[in-house]
Each structure stands twice: as C-alpha cells, then as structure tokens.
Amino acid sequence: MDNSIALAFSMPIALGLACLGCGLGLGMAVSSAMEAIGRQPDASTKIMINMATGCAFIEAIAIYVFVFAFIYGK
C-alpha cells in the first residue's frame, strides 16, 4: 500500500476523532464553568476568563489538525 493511499484512508478518521475530542472537551469545560458560576456567582469573571483560555487551547488543537490535513492531505 502506498503512503498516499494510507494517508487518504487515515486522514478522515483522524480528523473526525480530533474534532470529536475537541467538541467533548469544550462541552465539558463550558458545563463545568456554568456549574461553578451557579455555585459561586461572585467569582464569575475569574471563571469565565479561565474557561475562555481553556476553550482557546482546545480549539487550537482542532485548528492544528485541520492545518495538518490541508498540508499533508494532497
């Protein structure tokens, strides 16, 4: 099997798994942040800043996967 054929079969699976993981991670992060704000409304600003930072890192993983797919998925 040629490298390009193996890459053509594995790239969609890798993209799907990466996006699934990022989606689950974002959902859990936002859910936990909303629960924390519900318990401690006075700390909502600090919680939201930390949640936004974490969400940016999680989204960066998905962007890296898409860039990898565009570069190597020729």
Protein backbone atom coordinates (compact mmCIF):
# COMPACT_ATOMS: atom_id res chain seq x y z
CA MET A 1 0.00 0.00 0.00
CA ASP A 2 1.31 3.41 -0.96
CA ASN A 3 1.77 6.17 1.62
CA SER A 4 -0.73 8.43 -0.10
CA ILE A 5 -3.39 5.72 -0.02
CA ALA A 6 -2.81 5.06 3.67
CA LEU A 7 -2.95 8.81 4.35
CA ALA A 8 -6.16 9.13 2.34
CA PHE A 9 -7.82 6.45 4.47
CA SER A 10 -6.49 7.60 7.83
CA MET A 11 -6.91 11.39 7.46
CA PRO A 12 -10.74 11.47 7.68
CA ILE A 13 -10.68 9.14 10.66
CA ALA A 14 -8.06 11.29 12.41
CA LEU A 15 -9.98 14.49 11.64
CA GLY A 16 -13.19 13.01 12.96
CA LEU A 17 -11.59 11.78 16.17
CA ALA A 18 -9.82 15.09 16.75
CA CYS A 19 -12.99 17.10 16.24
CA LEU A 20 -14.98 14.71 18.40
CA GLY A 21 -12.43 15.05 21.19
CA CYS A 22 -12.36 18.82 20.90
CA GLY A 23 -16.14 19.00 20.94
CA LEU A 24 -16.38 16.81 24.01
CA GLY A 25 -13.64 18.81 25.73
CA LEU A 26 -15.37 22.11 25.00
CA GLY A 27 -18.69 20.77 26.21
CA MET A 28 -17.21 19.55 29.47
CA ALA A 29 -15.30 22.81 30.02
CA VAL A 30 -18.35 25.01 29.47
CA SER A 31 -20.55 22.70 31.55
CA SER A 32 -18.12 22.78 34.46
CA ALA A 33 -17.75 26.56 34.20
CA MET A 34 -21.51 27.09 34.24
CA GLU A 35 -21.85 24.78 37.23
CA ALA A 36 -19.09 26.68 39.04
CA ILE A 37 -20.76 30.02 38.31
CA GLY A 38 -24.04 28.63 39.63
CA ARG A 39 -22.34 27.67 42.87
CA GLN A 40 -20.21 30.82 43.21
CA PRO A 41 -21.75 33.75 41.25
CA ASP A 42 -19.31 36.27 42.73
CA ALA A 43 -16.36 34.56 41.00
CA SER A 44 -17.99 34.51 37.58
CA THR A 45 -15.45 36.87 36.00
CA LYS A 46 -12.46 34.75 37.00
CA ILE A 47 -14.24 31.55 35.99
CA MET A 48 -15.19 32.91 32.57
CA ILE A 49 -11.64 34.15 31.88
CA ASN A 50 -10.19 30.75 32.76
CA MET A 51 -12.86 28.96 30.74
CA ALA A 52 -12.23 31.15 27.68
CA THR A 53 -8.49 30.50 27.91
CA GLY A 54 -9.06 26.75 28.16
CA CYS A 55 -11.52 26.80 25.26
CA ALA A 56 -8.96 28.66 23.13
CA PHE A 57 -6.39 25.94 23.79
CA ILE A 58 -8.89 23.22 22.96
CA GLU A 59 -9.88 24.97 19.72
CA ALA A 60 -6.19 25.36 18.83
CA ILE A 61 -5.87 21.57 18.75
CA ALA A 62 -8.67 21.34 16.18
CA ILE A 63 -7.10 24.10 14.10
CA TYR A 64 -3.73 22.32 14.16
CA VAL A 65 -5.41 19.14 12.93
CA PHE A 66 -7.11 20.99 10.08
CA VAL A 67 -3.84 22.67 9.08
CA PHE A 68 -2.13 19.28 9.15
CA ALA A 69 -4.90 17.86 6.97
CA PHE A 70 -4.58 20.64 4.40
CA ILE A 71 -0.79 20.38 4.26
CA TYR A 72 -0.46 16.60 4.09
CA GLY A 73 -3.78 15.68 2.52
CA LYS A 74 -2.75 16.48 -1.05
